[in-house]
Amino acid sequence: MPIPNTVQELAVAFRELGTEDPESWAKSELSEGIPQLARCSVLRSLWRCVRDDDETSLQQEIDRVLRRVDYETTTSHLMARCLEEKVSLPLLNQLVRSVQIDLLQQVTYGLDGDSLAPSVPDVGWGIFQTDEDGKPFGPQVWSLFESFISLDPTGREGGAREV
């Protein structure tokens, strides 16, 4: 499917992604040539990796993992231990969520990073849109870190909920 090329069409896509002020994102893409729809899509994908505020899913995950024989090597085992030590489920959920957000924020910084090996300075990475054949097109998607926190679906910009 082709990328929309009018402010109105792009705004619909940004609205579906849950952005505030979708028209502003759309205008930026068209007037500045910044692949904002691609940026927003990548960031929304990252946010889907972050635990929901509802600790019910955390309890279900812990219960499921504890039924397995090899659970001692999993994060869920550590979470179960925290519950045994009387850490409340809501607080534990917020801790896990916060660690996930911190990690993903560091990932967004790392994607703009320099080569990690000084002996191979030309080795790097990038995020690009791809066509139906998987070939990159358009400008590279940069500076994901600039918008990561602002796209928190809870509207708290990465902040914890009161528990």
Protein backbone atom coordinates (compact mmCIF):
# COMPACT_ATOMS: atom_id res chain seq x y z
CA MET A 1 0.00 0.00 0.00
CA PRO A 2 1.47 3.38 -0.93
CA ILE A 3 2.27 5.92 1.75
CA PRO A 4 -0.35 8.68 1.87
CA ASN A 5 0.83 11.92 0.28
CA THR A 6 -1.61 14.55 1.53
CA VAL A 7 -1.89 16.11 4.97
CA GLN A 8 -5.43 14.78 5.33
CA GLU A 9 -4.52 11.19 4.37
CA LEU A 10 -1.40 11.20 6.54
CA ALA A 11 -3.33 12.68 9.46
CA VAL A 12 -5.73 9.72 9.28
CA ALA A 13 -2.77 7.33 9.55
CA PHE A 14 -1.26 9.27 12.48
CA ARG A 15 -4.65 9.35 14.18
CA GLU A 16 -4.87 5.54 13.84
CA LEU A 17 -1.43 5.31 15.47
CA GLY A 18 -2.79 7.32 18.40
CA THR A 19 -0.67 10.45 18.04
CA GLU A 20 -1.57 13.80 19.50
CA ASP A 21 -1.87 16.50 16.84
CA PRO A 22 -1.77 14.16 13.83
CA GLU A 23 -1.95 17.09 11.39
CA SER A 24 1.34 18.45 12.76
CA TRP A 25 3.06 15.09 12.20
CA ALA A 26 1.62 14.95 8.67
CA LYS A 27 2.71 18.51 7.81
CA SER A 28 6.21 17.79 9.10
CA GLU A 29 6.50 14.72 6.89
CA LEU A 30 5.40 16.57 3.78
CA SER A 31 7.07 19.94 4.29
CA GLU A 32 10.32 18.84 5.96
CA GLY A 33 10.79 15.50 4.22
CA ILE A 34 11.10 13.68 7.55
CA PRO A 35 9.67 10.13 7.42
CA GLN A 36 7.44 10.81 10.42
CA LEU A 37 4.99 8.02 9.63
CA ALA A 38 7.84 5.52 9.61
CA ARG A 39 9.25 7.01 12.86
CA CYS A 40 5.87 6.87 14.55
CA SER A 41 5.24 3.31 13.35
CA VAL A 42 8.59 2.08 14.71
CA LEU A 43 8.04 3.80 18.04
CA ARG A 44 4.51 2.45 18.41
CA SER A 45 5.92 -1.03 17.74
CA LEU A 46 8.44 -0.52 20.54
CA TRP A 47 5.71 0.64 22.91
CA ARG A 48 3.79 -2.58 22.24
CA CYS A 49 6.72 -4.36 23.94
CA VAL A 50 6.08 -2.49 27.19
CA ARG A 51 3.97 -4.14 29.84
CA ASP A 52 0.45 -2.81 30.22
CA ASP A 53 -0.58 -1.04 33.42
CA ASP A 54 -2.96 -3.88 34.22
CA GLU A 55 -1.14 -6.23 36.56
CA THR A 56 -3.59 -9.04 35.79
CA SER A 57 -1.45 -10.08 32.83
CA LEU A 58 1.64 -10.11 35.06
CA GLN A 59 -0.01 -12.49 37.53
CA GLN A 60 -1.15 -14.73 34.68
CA GLU A 61 2.39 -14.80 33.28
CA ILE A 62 3.87 -15.67 36.65
CA ASP A 63 1.29 -18.42 37.20
CA ARG A 64 1.90 -19.87 33.74
CA VAL A 65 5.66 -19.91 34.16
CA LEU A 66 5.53 -21.38 37.66
CA ARG A 67 3.70 -24.42 36.25
CA ARG A 68 6.75 -25.17 34.10
CA VAL A 69 9.58 -27.31 35.45
CA ASP A 70 12.41 -25.07 34.20
CA TYR A 71 11.04 -21.78 35.50
CA GLU A 72 14.08 -20.98 37.65
CA THR A 73 15.92 -19.40 34.72
CA THR A 74 13.17 -16.92 33.81
CA THR A 75 12.38 -13.37 34.79
CA SER A 76 8.95 -14.54 35.89
CA HIS A 77 10.58 -16.68 38.56
CA LEU A 78 12.26 -13.58 39.95
CA MET A 79 8.94 -11.76 39.86
CA ALA A 80 7.33 -14.64 41.74
CA ARG A 81 10.11 -14.40 44.34
CA CYS A 82 9.36 -10.69 44.72
CA LEU A 83 5.74 -11.55 45.41
CA GLU A 84 6.85 -14.11 48.02
CA GLU A 85 8.83 -11.29 49.65
CA LYS A 86 5.60 -9.28 49.81
CA VAL A 87 6.29 -6.80 47.01
CA SER A 88 2.85 -5.79 45.84
CA LEU A 89 1.78 -6.90 42.38
CA PRO A 90 0.97 -3.32 41.26
CA LEU A 91 4.38 -2.08 42.39
CA LEU A 92 6.16 -5.01 40.74
CA ASN A 93 4.25 -4.41 37.52
CA GLN A 94 5.27 -0.74 37.52
CA LEU A 95 8.89 -1.70 38.18
CA VAL A 96 8.95 -4.15 35.26
CA ARG A 97 7.22 -1.58 33.02
CA SER A 98 9.71 1.11 34.00
CA VAL A 99 12.71 -1.15 33.28
CA GLN A 100 11.23 -2.00 29.87
CA ILE A 101 10.75 1.69 29.06
CA ASP A 102 14.30 2.52 30.16
CA LEU A 103 15.71 -0.27 28.00
CA LEU A 104 13.73 0.73 24.92
CA GLN A 105 14.67 4.36 25.36
CA GLN A 106 18.33 3.32 25.37
CA VAL A 107 17.68 1.29 22.21
CA THR A 108 16.34 4.41 20.50
CA TYR A 109 19.52 6.28 21.47
CA GLY A 110 21.67 3.36 20.32
CA LEU A 111 20.08 3.29 16.89
CA ASP A 112 21.60 6.72 16.24
CA GLY A 113 24.94 5.66 17.72
CA ASP A 114 28.36 5.45 16.24
CA SER A 115 30.16 2.25 15.42
CA LEU A 116 30.98 0.30 18.56
CA ALA A 117 34.27 -0.89 17.11
CA PRO A 118 36.75 1.93 16.41
CA SER A 119 38.65 -0.35 14.03
CA VAL A 120 35.59 -0.55 11.74
CA PRO A 121 34.17 2.98 11.75
CA ASP A 122 32.07 2.47 8.61
CA VAL A 123 29.96 -0.31 10.14
CA GLY A 124 26.61 1.02 11.24
CA TRP A 125 22.92 0.42 11.05
CA GLY A 126 19.80 2.22 10.08
CA ILE A 127 16.05 2.03 9.91
CA PHE A 128 14.47 2.54 6.50
CA GLN A 129 11.07 2.08 5.00
CA THR A 130 10.97 -0.83 2.59
CA ASP A 131 8.93 -1.56 -0.51
CA GLU A 132 6.98 -4.75 -1.15
CA ASP A 133 10.23 -6.46 -2.22
CA GLY A 134 11.98 -5.49 1.03
CA LYS A 135 14.21 -2.88 -0.63
CA PRO A 136 14.88 0.30 1.37
CA PHE A 137 13.57 3.60 0.06
CA GLY A 138 13.31 7.14 1.27
CA PRO A 139 15.40 8.83 3.92
CA GLN A 140 16.77 6.99 6.92
CA VAL A 141 14.63 7.20 10.04
CA TRP A 142 16.69 9.13 12.59
CA SER A 143 16.37 10.42 16.13
CA LEU A 144 13.77 7.99 17.40
CA PHE A 145 14.76 9.00 20.92
CA GLU A 146 13.31 12.46 20.35
CA SER A 147 9.75 11.13 20.16
CA PHE A 148 9.87 7.86 22.10
CA ILE A 149 8.69 9.14 25.49
CA SER A 150 6.06 11.46 24.03
CA LEU A 151 4.36 8.50 22.32
CA ASP A 152 3.69 6.63 25.58
CA PRO A 153 0.15 5.29 25.02
CA THR A 154 -0.74 6.04 28.66
CA GLY A 155 0.00 9.75 28.17
CA ARG A 156 2.39 9.71 31.15
CA GLU A 157 5.55 10.05 29.03
CA GLY A 158 7.14 6.99 30.60
CA GLY A 159 6.14 7.89 34.13
CA ALA A 160 4.81 5.34 36.59
CA ARG A 161 1.21 5.17 37.63
CA GLU A 162 0.45 5.82 41.28
CA VAL A 163 0.36 2.53 43.22
